[in-house]
Amino acid sequence: MSYRFLKGHGTENDFVVLPDPDGSVHGDLAAERVRALCDRRAGLGADGVLRAVHRGDGWFMDYRNADGSVSEMCGNGVRVLARYLHDHEGEPFPMRIQTRAGVKVLDAAGEEYTADMGAPEVLGETEVSVGDRAWAARHVSMGNPHAVAFVDDLADAGSLLEPPAHDAEIYPDGVNVEFVVRRGEHHVAMRVHERGSGETRSCGTGACAVAVATALADGAPRGTAYRVDVPGGTLCIVWTEDDRVLMTGPAVLVAEGVTDL
């Protein structure tokens, strides 16, 4: 079976987009197909797969990690999907996209896309470790789980080839772990190990969790804009007075074609 695909990225967190309006092409997307598509040598190469499905009067983002596992949310991915829906399906902004973590509202200004990621959940303190080094971490949920650890140097996280050790009782389904350093006032940089994908060049929900954790550490007033540098670029995050997290960054479509993977 041959089917259409597109390739896109948000701050170099890259995805295969699968148009599947009525769910007839992919149905319940098999993990084997996701792994084949995301394989960087034998496939198209990606951190995950975004399946665009029309539901009711809107669109649903079915997101799968590179290992085929299901994820509740993907911040960079929802921007890329919004770009696809606008450019190829004619959907206007502002746009509502259904996800497993609720409806996200997207808007655009030029080449920058802003996603209202909803209210964060700050769930206390935990710990993560790499090798024989351990750090306190802030447990933040952005619809998916995050552990945010402040470190002296981003190199402290090591290669991130394996998931950092974490409390399995707190995170029974795994966790995205962000390692963070300060670069200046309201300015941080991060590396991330995403569950199901490994180290990625960016994580949108991770950047949101980092901004929330940093704002709490700083005692910053709501509405403060944080710059979060990731290996693949920069995201701007604002935790608003009405408890919404707004994430702004690019969304780029780079290719489209047909595959039988």
Protein backbone atom coordinates (compact mmCIF):
# COMPACT_ATOMS: atom_id res chain seq x y z
CA MET A 1 0.00 0.00 0.00
CA SER A 2 1.33 3.42 -0.93
CA TYR A 3 0.28 6.50 0.97
CA ARG A 4 1.07 10.20 1.20
CA PHE A 5 3.37 11.76 3.78
CA LEU A 6 4.93 15.12 4.61
CA LYS A 7 8.06 15.88 6.61
CA GLY A 8 8.34 18.86 8.94
CA HIS A 9 10.02 20.18 12.06
CA GLY A 10 9.69 22.69 14.87
CA THR A 11 13.12 23.88 16.08
CA GLU A 12 14.52 20.69 14.49
CA ASN A 13 12.21 18.36 16.44
CA ASP A 14 11.16 16.50 13.30
CA PHE A 15 8.05 14.58 12.34
CA VAL A 16 6.43 12.56 9.62
CA VAL A 17 2.92 13.92 8.98
CA LEU A 18 0.37 11.39 7.75
CA PRO A 19 -2.80 12.89 6.24
CA ASP A 20 -5.62 10.50 7.17
CA PRO A 21 -8.83 12.57 7.20
CA ASP A 22 -11.34 9.75 7.56
CA GLY A 23 -9.04 7.28 9.31
CA SER A 24 -9.24 4.87 6.39
CA VAL A 25 -5.55 4.86 5.45
CA HIS A 26 -3.90 4.09 8.77
CA GLY A 27 -6.67 3.24 11.22
CA ASP A 28 -5.10 2.29 14.53
CA LEU A 29 -1.55 3.18 13.52
CA ALA A 30 0.68 0.16 14.07
CA ALA A 31 3.86 0.61 16.11
CA GLU A 32 5.83 -1.26 13.44
CA ARG A 33 4.83 1.29 10.80
CA VAL A 34 5.77 4.20 13.07
CA ARG A 35 9.19 2.68 13.75
CA ALA A 36 9.74 2.08 10.02
CA LEU A 37 8.84 5.66 9.13
CA CYS A 38 11.01 7.15 11.90
CA ASP A 39 14.07 5.01 11.20
CA ARG A 40 16.83 7.45 10.21
CA ARG A 41 18.65 4.96 8.00
CA ALA A 42 16.00 2.69 6.50
CA GLY A 43 13.03 5.04 6.73
CA LEU A 44 12.15 8.72 6.41
CA GLY A 45 13.71 9.66 9.73
CA ALA A 46 11.83 11.46 12.51
CA ASP A 47 11.34 11.88 16.24
CA GLY A 48 7.69 10.89 15.84
CA VAL A 49 4.64 10.57 13.62
CA LEU A 50 1.72 13.01 13.46
CA ARG A 51 -1.46 11.50 12.01
CA ALA A 52 -4.06 14.11 10.98
CA VAL A 53 -7.57 12.74 11.45
CA HIS A 54 -10.81 14.66 10.91
CA ARG A 55 -13.15 14.23 13.89
CA GLY A 56 -16.53 15.91 14.25
CA ASP A 57 -16.08 19.52 13.21
CA GLY A 58 -12.31 19.60 13.66
CA TRP A 59 -8.98 17.77 13.48
CA PHE A 60 -7.35 15.33 15.88
CA MET A 61 -3.58 14.91 16.32
CA ASP A 62 -2.72 11.24 16.80
CA TYR A 63 0.89 11.47 17.97
CA ARG A 64 3.26 8.51 18.25
CA ASN A 65 6.85 8.52 19.52
CA ALA A 66 9.61 7.12 17.33
CA ASP A 67 9.42 3.74 19.09
CA GLY A 68 5.73 3.47 18.20
CA SER A 69 4.38 4.27 21.66
CA VAL A 70 1.42 6.61 22.06
CA SER A 71 1.99 10.06 23.56
CA GLU A 72 -0.55 12.45 25.03
CA MET A 73 0.93 15.62 23.61
CA CYS A 74 3.69 17.12 21.48
CA GLY A 75 4.23 20.88 21.55
CA ASN A 76 6.48 21.23 18.51
CA GLY A 77 4.33 18.68 16.70
CA VAL A 78 1.08 20.56 17.22
CA ARG A 79 2.64 23.64 15.59
CA VAL A 80 3.83 21.56 12.63
CA LEU A 81 0.38 20.01 12.30
CA ALA A 82 -1.21 23.47 12.37
CA ARG A 83 1.12 24.53 9.55
CA TYR A 84 0.06 21.48 7.54
CA LEU A 85 -3.65 22.02 8.19
CA HIS A 86 -3.42 25.67 7.17
CA ASP A 87 -1.27 25.16 4.07
CA HIS A 88 -2.82 21.94 2.76
CA GLU A 89 -6.32 21.68 4.21
CA GLY A 90 -7.22 25.38 4.18
CA GLU A 91 -7.88 25.63 7.91
CA PRO A 92 -7.88 29.25 9.11
CA PHE A 93 -6.24 30.70 12.21
CA PRO A 94 -6.99 30.73 15.05
CA MET A 95 -7.25 26.96 14.86
CA ARG A 96 -8.43 24.36 17.37
CA ILE A 97 -6.68 20.98 17.31
CA GLN A 98 -7.90 18.04 19.36
CA THR A 99 -5.23 16.03 21.19
CA ARG A 100 -5.13 13.35 23.86
CA ALA A 101 -4.30 16.19 26.28
CA GLY A 102 -7.33 18.27 25.31
CA VAL A 103 -7.98 20.92 22.67
CA LYS A 104 -5.08 23.24 21.82
CA VAL A 105 -5.64 26.61 20.15
CA LEU A 106 -3.06 27.73 17.58
CA ASP A 107 -2.47 31.11 15.99
CA ALA A 108 0.15 32.43 13.58
CA ALA A 109 2.03 35.66 12.95
CA GLY A 110 4.34 35.45 9.96
CA GLU A 111 6.59 32.43 10.41
CA GLU A 112 5.94 32.15 14.13
CA TYR A 113 3.19 29.95 15.53
CA THR A 114 1.74 30.26 19.03
CA ALA A 115 0.08 27.34 20.80
CA ASP A 116 -2.05 27.77 23.91
CA MET A 117 -0.89 24.71 25.79
CA GLY A 118 -3.37 25.12 28.64
CA ALA A 119 -2.71 25.10 32.37
CA PRO A 120 0.40 23.36 33.71
CA GLU A 121 0.26 21.00 36.65
CA VAL A 122 3.08 21.49 39.16
CA LEU A 123 3.24 18.23 41.05
CA GLY A 124 6.14 18.61 43.46
CA GLU A 125 9.77 17.53 43.61
CA THR A 126 11.47 14.36 42.47
CA GLU A 127 14.97 13.26 41.43
CA VAL A 128 16.68 12.14 38.25
CA SER A 129 20.13 10.70 37.73
CA VAL A 130 22.64 9.90 35.01
CA GLY A 131 25.34 7.44 35.98
CA ASP A 132 26.48 8.27 39.50
CA ARG A 133 25.21 11.86 39.41
CA ALA A 134 21.77 12.87 40.68
CA TRP A 135 19.77 16.10 40.68
CA ALA A 136 16.59 17.37 42.27
CA ALA A 137 13.91 17.85 39.64
CA ARG A 138 10.57 19.66 39.41
CA HIS A 139 7.68 17.44 38.36
CA VAL A 140 5.56 19.36 35.83
CA SER A 141 2.81 17.99 33.61
CA MET A 142 1.93 19.66 30.33
CA GLY A 143 -0.53 16.90 29.51
CA ASN A 144 2.55 14.66 29.38
CA PRO A 145 5.05 14.19 32.24
CA HIS A 146 8.27 16.15 32.72
CA ALA A 147 11.11 16.22 35.23
CA VAL A 148 13.05 19.50 35.09
CA ALA A 149 16.55 19.49 36.59
CA PHE A 150 18.87 22.51 36.86
CA VAL A 151 22.52 21.62 36.24
CA ASP A 152 25.82 23.49 36.16
CA ASP A 153 26.60 22.48 32.57
CA LEU A 154 24.46 20.85 29.89
CA ALA A 155 27.28 18.37 29.35
CA ASP A 156 26.52 16.99 32.83
CA ALA A 157 23.62 15.07 31.29
CA GLY A 158 26.07 12.89 29.38
CA SER A 159 25.19 11.30 26.05
CA LEU A 160 21.49 10.78 26.89
CA LEU A 161 21.56 7.60 24.85
CA GLU A 162 19.61 5.93 27.67
CA PRO A 163 16.73 7.39 29.69
CA PRO A 164 17.89 9.12 32.88
CA ALA A 165 16.98 7.14 35.98
CA HIS A 166 13.77 8.34 37.62
CA ASP A 167 11.17 7.33 40.19
CA ALA A 168 9.05 4.69 38.46
CA GLU A 169 6.25 5.12 41.02
CA ILE A 170 5.89 8.81 40.07
CA TYR A 171 6.38 8.13 36.36
CA PRO A 172 4.98 4.64 35.66
CA ASP A 173 4.79 5.35 31.91
CA GLY A 174 8.20 7.02 31.68
CA VAL A 175 9.08 10.71 31.67
CA ASN A 176 10.60 13.44 29.54
CA VAL A 177 13.67 14.75 31.38
CA GLU A 178 14.95 18.30 30.82
CA PHE A 179 18.41 19.44 31.92
CA VAL A 180 18.58 23.22 32.25
CA VAL A 181 21.22 25.94 32.65
CA ARG A 182 20.69 29.67 33.05
CA ARG A 183 21.93 31.98 30.30
CA GLY A 184 20.65 35.31 31.61
CA GLU A 185 17.58 37.02 33.02
CA HIS A 186 14.50 35.08 31.87
CA HIS A 187 16.77 33.12 29.55
CA VAL A 188 17.67 29.43 29.87
CA ALA A 189 19.01 26.61 27.69
CA MET A 190 18.07 22.95 27.85
CA ARG A 191 18.72 19.43 26.63
CA VAL A 192 16.05 16.78 26.75
CA HIS A 193 15.62 13.03 26.73
CA GLU A 194 12.14 12.33 25.38
CA ARG A 195 10.55 9.07 26.41
CA GLY A 196 10.14 6.85 23.38
CA SER A 197 12.48 8.93 21.19
CA GLY A 198 15.75 9.54 23.06
CA GLU A 199 17.58 12.87 22.99
CA THR A 200 15.90 15.23 20.54
CA ARG A 201 16.89 18.63 19.19
CA SER A 202 13.89 20.23 20.88
CA CYS A 203 10.81 19.45 22.97
CA GLY A 204 7.96 21.96 22.98
CA THR A 205 6.12 20.67 26.04
CA GLY A 206 9.53 20.32 27.69
CA ALA A 207 10.32 23.98 27.04
CA CYS A 208 6.95 24.88 28.58
CA ALA A 209 7.73 22.78 31.67
CA VAL A 210 11.17 24.37 31.91
CA ALA A 211 9.72 27.89 31.74
CA VAL A 212 7.19 27.04 34.45
CA ALA A 213 9.86 25.53 36.70
CA THR A 214 12.21 28.49 36.13
CA ALA A 215 9.48 31.06 36.77
CA LEU A 216 8.67 29.33 40.06
CA ALA A 217 12.35 29.26 41.03
CA ASP A 218 12.70 32.95 40.13
CA GLY A 219 9.48 34.05 41.79
CA ALA A 220 8.71 35.75 38.47
CA PRO A 221 5.30 37.39 37.99
CA ARG A 222 2.86 35.73 35.63
CA GLY A 223 3.13 37.09 32.11
CA THR A 224 6.95 37.06 32.16
CA ALA A 225 8.32 35.87 28.82
CA TYR A 226 11.06 33.26 29.01
CA ARG A 227 13.48 32.49 26.22
CA VAL A 228 14.28 28.78 26.09
CA ASP A 229 17.19 27.79 23.86
CA VAL A 230 17.19 24.21 22.57
CA PRO A 231 19.83 22.59 20.34
CA GLY A 232 17.55 23.18 17.34
CA GLY A 233 16.62 26.82 17.97
CA THR A 234 14.68 29.00 20.39
CA LEU A 235 11.17 28.98 21.83
CA CYS A 236 9.40 31.78 23.69
CA ILE A 237 7.19 30.72 26.61
CA VAL A 238 4.77 32.86 28.63
CA TRP A 239 2.88 31.59 31.67
CA THR A 240 -0.08 33.95 31.71
CA GLU A 241 -1.99 35.48 34.60
CA ASP A 242 -4.97 33.27 33.78
CA ASP A 243 -2.77 30.15 34.13
CA ARG A 244 -2.21 29.36 30.44
CA VAL A 245 1.14 28.49 28.93
CA LEU A 246 1.71 30.09 25.53
CA MET A 247 4.48 28.63 23.39
CA THR A 248 5.75 30.49 20.31
CA GLY A 249 8.16 29.13 17.73
CA PRO A 250 8.61 28.15 14.07
CA ALA A 251 6.94 25.31 12.18
CA VAL A 252 8.44 24.25 8.87
CA LEU A 253 7.33 21.76 6.20
CA VAL A 254 10.32 20.56 4.23
CA ALA A 255 9.13 17.71 1.98
CA GLU A 256 6.19 15.65 0.81
CA GLY A 257 5.83 12.49 -1.18
CA VAL A 258 4.50 8.94 -1.30
CA THR A 259 5.87 5.93 0.56
CA ASP A 260 5.00 2.29 1.03
CA LEU A 261 6.91 1.85 4.31
